[in-house]
């Protein structure tokens, strides 16, 4: 997997810089926010794998940040560790009631904080809550969101797959492949922010497969914008020669060389207008079939 992303929300520059240097040295990708509102903005732009959150902030307090994260379907799964000078039992209980995963008080032992961060990220991945590469909700969270969605009206489920991703990864390597997955996740977030609603859901079903749950009337516009921008912007992940010729040379299982086009997206959309769904499997199977019909050439799976 790629680097785990940490967001440190702390207005004390000495502490935030120390945490950034320390965790960066351990191989984490660390970002810092001195204000709660900045942290919420950054979280919407790029999902962190975990947030270290101070309670006493200069604008909104850490409790409000945590409450906002938990109310949003796209951020409710992110582990949060409160970091604060407060050590009263009532303060701890308030943080845990809001859905914080852990609580550590200042002055703290940096080794203890490291172990708590590692443990929270491992639990999230072990319980299939997030994909370790994109940081997006995965298996169980996607299923839970679908079970909630099927009881609602006016929804749209989008099954999204990256065409020719396997060939790209075989040629450019796993690190470059993970970069593409993170790029796709970030792009989906930007477009859903632009064309969707705050309650929309984005998930990573595994490998090159993503899902978006949005409103029926918004799905087509999201699909069209997503396919257009992905096709244009994914080209930066290729070298100049491959971009110019419009394909890469990839090996087949038989050891032959074949031309693989540059990556693109296939999208299948399912809505309750099409039929009455009895369970979530019917939704995912129909969406996959619609998505396969949108797949170019011989890449349909």
Protein backbone atom coordinates (compact mmCIF):
# COMPACT_ATOMS: atom_id res chain seq x y z
CA UNK A 1 0.00 0.00 0.00
CA UNK A 2 1.03 3.63 -0.27
CA UNK A 3 1.80 5.89 2.65
CA UNK A 4 -0.93 6.20 5.28
CA UNK A 5 -2.14 9.81 5.44
CA UNK A 6 -2.39 11.56 8.80
CA UNK A 7 -4.04 14.90 9.44
CA UNK A 8 -2.81 16.64 12.60
CA UNK A 9 -5.23 19.35 13.80
CA UNK A 10 -3.28 21.39 16.34
CA UNK A 11 -2.79 25.14 16.77
CA UNK A 12 0.44 24.81 18.79
CA UNK A 13 3.13 25.07 16.10
CA UNK A 14 5.77 23.36 18.22
CA UNK A 15 3.58 20.30 18.76
CA UNK A 16 2.28 20.12 15.19
CA UNK A 17 5.77 20.47 13.70
CA UNK A 18 7.14 17.84 16.07
CA UNK A 19 4.36 15.41 15.13
CA UNK A 20 4.84 16.08 11.42
CA UNK A 21 8.59 15.46 11.60
CA UNK A 22 8.18 12.35 13.76
CA UNK A 23 5.45 10.62 11.76
CA UNK A 24 6.95 11.64 8.42
CA UNK A 25 10.12 9.89 9.57
CA UNK A 26 8.03 6.75 10.12
CA UNK A 27 6.81 6.84 6.52
CA UNK A 28 3.47 8.59 6.97
CA UNK A 29 2.19 11.35 4.71
CA UNK A 30 1.41 14.08 7.26
CA UNK A 31 -0.61 17.26 6.79
CA UNK A 32 -1.22 19.89 9.47
CA UNK A 33 -4.16 22.20 10.14
CA UNK A 34 -4.10 24.87 12.88
CA UNK A 35 -7.87 25.45 12.75
CA UNK A 36 -10.90 23.19 12.80
CA UNK A 37 -12.49 24.73 9.72
CA UNK A 38 -9.26 24.22 7.75
CA UNK A 39 -9.21 20.59 8.84
CA UNK A 40 -12.74 20.00 7.55
CA UNK A 41 -11.83 21.60 4.21
CA UNK A 42 -8.71 19.45 3.86
CA UNK A 43 -10.61 16.30 4.79
CA UNK A 44 -13.14 16.95 2.05
CA UNK A 45 -10.33 17.39 -0.48
CA UNK A 46 -8.19 14.37 0.45
CA UNK A 47 -9.39 11.72 2.91
CA UNK A 48 -6.81 11.00 5.62
CA UNK A 49 -6.48 7.52 7.06
CA UNK A 50 -6.55 9.01 10.58
CA UNK A 51 -6.96 12.39 12.27
CA UNK A 52 -5.08 13.48 15.40
CA UNK A 53 -7.40 16.17 16.74
CA UNK A 54 -6.80 18.75 19.46
CA UNK A 55 -9.94 19.84 21.34
CA UNK A 56 -8.95 23.43 22.08
CA UNK A 57 -8.77 25.18 18.69
CA UNK A 58 -8.99 28.90 17.85
CA UNK A 59 -12.25 28.67 15.84
CA UNK A 60 -14.47 25.62 16.31
CA UNK A 61 -13.44 23.10 18.96
CA UNK A 62 -12.40 19.51 18.31
CA UNK A 63 -15.77 18.20 19.49
CA UNK A 64 -17.53 20.13 16.73
CA UNK A 65 -14.99 18.95 14.15
CA UNK A 66 -15.57 15.34 15.19
CA UNK A 67 -19.35 15.82 15.21
CA UNK A 68 -19.24 17.24 11.66
CA UNK A 69 -17.05 14.38 10.42
CA UNK A 70 -19.38 11.76 11.89
CA UNK A 71 -22.50 13.33 10.33
CA UNK A 72 -21.07 13.20 6.80
CA UNK A 73 -21.30 9.82 5.04
CA UNK A 74 -18.00 10.46 3.25
CA UNK A 75 -15.99 11.13 6.43
CA UNK A 76 -17.85 9.22 9.14
CA UNK A 77 -15.46 6.24 8.93
CA UNK A 78 -12.18 8.15 9.53
CA UNK A 79 -10.54 7.20 12.86
CA UNK A 80 -10.09 10.15 15.22
CA UNK A 81 -7.68 10.36 18.15
CA UNK A 82 -8.28 13.31 20.47
CA UNK A 83 -5.12 15.05 21.65
CA UNK A 84 -5.78 17.54 24.45
CA UNK A 85 -4.78 18.98 27.78
CA UNK A 86 -8.14 18.07 29.24
CA UNK A 87 -8.08 14.93 31.34
CA UNK A 88 -11.43 15.09 33.09
CA UNK A 89 -13.53 11.94 32.79
CA UNK A 90 -16.49 13.93 31.44
CA UNK A 91 -14.34 15.36 28.64
CA UNK A 92 -13.18 11.90 27.63
CA UNK A 93 -16.72 10.57 27.66
CA UNK A 94 -17.94 13.44 25.51
CA UNK A 95 -15.27 12.72 22.91
CA UNK A 96 -16.01 9.00 22.86
CA UNK A 97 -19.75 9.62 22.63
CA UNK A 98 -19.11 11.68 19.50
CA UNK A 99 -17.38 8.68 17.92
CA UNK A 100 -13.70 9.34 18.65
CA UNK A 101 -11.60 6.19 18.50
CA UNK A 102 -9.11 7.12 21.20
CA UNK A 103 -8.07 9.87 23.59
CA UNK A 104 -4.61 10.91 24.77
CA UNK A 105 -3.74 13.83 27.04
CA UNK A 106 -0.85 16.29 27.00
CA UNK A 107 1.95 15.98 27.87
CA UNK A 108 1.98 12.70 25.97
CA UNK A 109 4.45 9.94 25.22
CA UNK A 110 5.19 10.07 21.48
CA UNK A 111 5.78 6.29 21.40
CA UNK A 112 2.38 5.71 22.98
CA UNK A 113 0.72 8.00 20.41
CA UNK A 114 2.52 6.11 17.62
CA UNK A 115 1.14 2.78 18.88
CA UNK A 116 -2.38 4.20 19.15
CA UNK A 117 -2.20 5.60 15.60
CA UNK A 118 -0.93 2.30 14.22
CA UNK A 119 -3.59 0.35 16.13
CA UNK A 120 -6.46 2.55 14.96
CA UNK A 121 -5.40 2.30 11.30
CA UNK A 122 -4.95 -1.49 11.55
CA UNK A 123 -8.39 -1.91 13.14
CA UNK A 124 -9.99 0.15 10.40
CA UNK A 125 -8.37 -1.94 7.67
CA UNK A 126 -8.94 -5.29 9.46
CA UNK A 127 -12.64 -4.56 9.84
CA UNK A 128 -12.83 -3.74 6.11
CA UNK A 129 -13.81 -0.15 6.87
CA UNK A 130 -11.37 1.54 4.50
CA UNK A 131 -9.21 0.68 1.53
CA UNK A 132 -5.55 1.18 2.55
CA UNK A 133 -4.61 2.84 -0.77
CA UNK A 134 -7.42 5.32 -1.35
CA UNK A 135 -8.57 5.80 2.26
CA UNK A 136 -12.17 5.50 1.03
CA UNK A 137 -14.84 3.41 2.74
CA UNK A 138 -14.60 -0.24 1.71
CA UNK A 139 -16.46 -3.56 2.07
CA UNK A 140 -18.64 -3.42 5.19
CA UNK A 141 -19.20 0.34 5.04
CA UNK A 142 -20.31 0.11 1.41
CA UNK A 143 -22.75 -2.67 2.28
CA UNK A 144 -24.14 -0.72 5.24
CA UNK A 145 -24.63 2.37 3.09
CA UNK A 146 -26.40 0.31 0.42
CA UNK A 147 -28.73 -1.26 2.98
CA UNK A 148 -29.64 2.23 4.15
CA UNK A 149 -30.00 3.51 0.59
CA UNK A 150 -32.33 0.77 -0.60
CA UNK A 151 -34.94 1.98 1.90
CA UNK A 152 -34.84 5.53 0.51
CA UNK A 153 -36.31 7.14 -2.59
CA UNK A 154 -34.62 8.89 -5.52
CA UNK A 155 -31.15 7.38 -5.16
CA UNK A 156 -28.66 6.35 -7.83
CA UNK A 157 -25.92 3.72 -7.44
CA UNK A 158 -22.87 4.11 -9.69
CA UNK A 159 -20.48 1.21 -10.36
CA UNK A 160 -17.17 2.63 -11.66
CA UNK A 161 -14.17 0.74 -13.01
CA UNK A 162 -10.82 1.89 -14.39
CA UNK A 163 -10.29 0.32 -17.82
CA UNK A 164 -6.79 -1.00 -18.64
CA UNK A 165 -5.64 -0.46 -15.05
CA UNK A 166 -4.06 -3.93 -14.79
CA UNK A 167 -2.01 -3.35 -17.93
CA UNK A 168 -0.87 0.06 -16.64
CA UNK A 169 0.19 -1.44 -13.29
CA UNK A 170 2.03 -4.30 -15.00
CA UNK A 171 4.08 -1.82 -17.06
CA UNK A 172 4.52 1.06 -14.60
CA UNK A 173 4.53 -0.88 -11.31
CA UNK A 174 2.45 -1.11 -8.16
CA UNK A 175 3.49 2.27 -6.74
CA UNK A 176 2.33 4.04 -9.90
CA UNK A 177 -0.87 1.98 -9.78
CA UNK A 178 -1.58 3.09 -6.22
CA UNK A 179 -1.02 6.69 -7.31
CA UNK A 180 -3.72 6.25 -9.96
CA UNK A 181 -6.16 4.85 -7.38
CA UNK A 182 -5.55 7.83 -5.10
CA UNK A 183 -5.95 10.20 -8.04
CA UNK A 184 -9.28 8.55 -8.96
CA UNK A 185 -10.53 8.83 -5.37
CA UNK A 186 -9.56 12.52 -5.18
CA UNK A 187 -11.18 13.25 -8.53
CA UNK A 188 -14.44 11.61 -7.49
CA UNK A 189 -14.47 13.71 -4.34
CA UNK A 190 -13.97 16.92 -6.30
CA UNK A 191 -16.73 16.11 -8.78
CA UNK A 192 -19.22 14.97 -6.16
CA UNK A 193 -18.52 18.19 -4.24
CA UNK A 194 -19.20 20.14 -7.42
CA UNK A 195 -22.24 18.31 -8.80
CA UNK A 196 -23.60 16.18 -5.95
CA UNK A 197 -24.82 16.72 -2.39
CA UNK A 198 -23.20 16.66 1.04
CA UNK A 199 -24.91 13.33 1.73
CA UNK A 200 -23.42 11.53 -1.28
CA UNK A 201 -21.26 8.47 -0.62
CA UNK A 202 -18.00 7.42 -2.31
CA UNK A 203 -16.51 3.98 -1.73
CA UNK A 204 -13.64 1.81 -2.97
CA UNK A 205 -14.99 -1.68 -3.58
CA UNK A 206 -11.50 -3.05 -4.22
CA UNK A 207 -8.84 -3.05 -6.92
CA UNK A 208 -9.88 -0.78 -9.78
CA UNK A 209 -13.56 -0.69 -8.74
CA UNK A 210 -15.27 2.30 -7.04
CA UNK A 211 -18.85 3.20 -6.18
CA UNK A 212 -20.76 6.44 -5.78
CA UNK A 213 -24.23 6.74 -4.25
CA UNK A 214 -25.92 10.01 -5.14
CA UNK A 215 -29.31 11.42 -6.11
CA UNK A 216 -30.95 10.10 -9.26
CA UNK A 217 -31.17 13.48 -10.93
CA UNK A 218 -27.44 14.14 -10.45
CA UNK A 219 -25.97 10.80 -11.51
CA UNK A 220 -25.71 11.42 -15.26
CA UNK A 221 -23.90 14.73 -14.85
CA UNK A 222 -21.49 13.20 -12.33
CA UNK A 223 -20.82 10.28 -14.69
CA UNK A 224 -20.17 12.50 -17.71
CA UNK A 225 -17.89 14.91 -15.85
CA UNK A 226 -16.02 12.07 -14.16
CA UNK A 227 -15.32 10.21 -17.40
CA UNK A 228 -14.27 13.38 -19.19
CA UNK A 229 -11.89 14.63 -16.52
CA UNK A 230 -10.41 11.21 -15.78
CA UNK A 231 -9.58 10.57 -19.44
CA UNK A 232 -7.85 13.95 -19.70
CA UNK A 233 -6.05 14.09 -16.36
CA UNK A 234 -4.94 10.46 -16.02
CA UNK A 235 -2.53 11.08 -18.90
CA UNK A 236 -0.12 12.76 -16.48
CA UNK A 237 0.55 9.29 -15.03
CA UNK A 238 2.09 8.16 -18.33
CA UNK A 239 5.44 9.10 -19.81
CA UNK A 240 5.65 11.43 -22.79
CA UNK A 241 6.04 8.71 -25.42
CA UNK A 242 3.04 6.71 -24.21
CA UNK A 243 0.91 9.86 -24.03
CA UNK A 244 1.85 10.80 -27.58
CA UNK A 245 1.13 7.38 -29.09
CA UNK A 246 -2.03 6.86 -27.04
CA UNK A 247 -1.22 3.35 -25.82
CA UNK A 248 1.30 1.23 -23.91
CA UNK A 249 2.82 -2.11 -24.79
CA UNK A 250 1.76 -4.67 -22.20
CA UNK A 251 2.46 -8.40 -21.93
CA UNK A 252 -0.34 -10.93 -22.27
CA UNK A 253 -0.49 -14.06 -20.05
CA UNK A 254 1.02 -15.92 -23.03
CA UNK A 255 4.02 -13.58 -23.01
CA UNK A 256 3.03 -11.69 -26.14
CA UNK A 257 3.13 -7.90 -26.49
CA UNK A 258 -0.17 -6.11 -27.11
CA UNK A 259 -1.28 -2.51 -27.33
CA UNK A 260 -3.32 -1.34 -24.32
CA UNK A 261 -5.10 2.03 -24.66
CA UNK A 262 -4.65 4.73 -22.03
CA UNK A 263 -6.86 4.30 -18.98
CA UNK A 264 -10.48 5.42 -19.00
CA UNK A 265 -13.59 4.86 -16.89
CA UNK A 266 -16.63 2.66 -17.39
CA UNK A 267 -19.70 3.60 -15.34
CA UNK A 268 -22.95 1.76 -14.70
CA UNK A 269 -25.88 3.59 -13.08
CA UNK A 270 -28.82 1.91 -11.34
CA UNK A 271 -31.85 3.71 -9.86
CA UNK A 272 -35.07 2.50 -8.22
CA UNK A 273 -36.91 3.77 -11.28
CA UNK A 274 -35.58 0.75 -13.21
CA UNK A 275 -37.08 -1.91 -10.93
CA UNK A 276 -37.95 -2.78 -7.33
CA UNK A 277 -34.88 -4.19 -5.58
CA UNK A 278 -35.31 -6.83 -2.89
CA UNK A 279 -31.70 -6.75 -1.64
CA UNK A 280 -28.41 -4.99 -2.25
CA UNK A 281 -27.00 -7.84 -4.33
CA UNK A 282 -29.56 -7.14 -7.02
CA UNK A 283 -28.38 -3.51 -7.11
CA UNK A 284 -24.68 -4.34 -7.41
CA UNK A 285 -25.22 -7.09 -10.01
CA UNK A 286 -27.36 -4.89 -12.26
CA UNK A 287 -24.96 -1.95 -11.91
CA UNK A 288 -22.03 -4.21 -12.85
CA UNK A 289 -23.90 -5.40 -15.93
CA UNK A 290 -24.70 -1.82 -17.00
CA UNK A 291 -21.06 -0.88 -16.40
CA UNK A 292 -19.83 -3.79 -18.54
CA UNK A 293 -21.96 -2.48 -21.39
CA UNK A 294 -20.10 0.83 -21.04
CA UNK A 295 -16.69 -0.87 -21.27
CA UNK A 296 -14.78 -0.29 -24.55
CA UNK A 297 -13.29 -2.97 -26.73
CA UNK A 298 -12.43 -6.33 -25.23
CA UNK A 299 -11.81 -5.17 -21.65
CA UNK A 300 -15.29 -6.09 -20.39
CA UNK A 301 -15.07 -8.38 -17.43
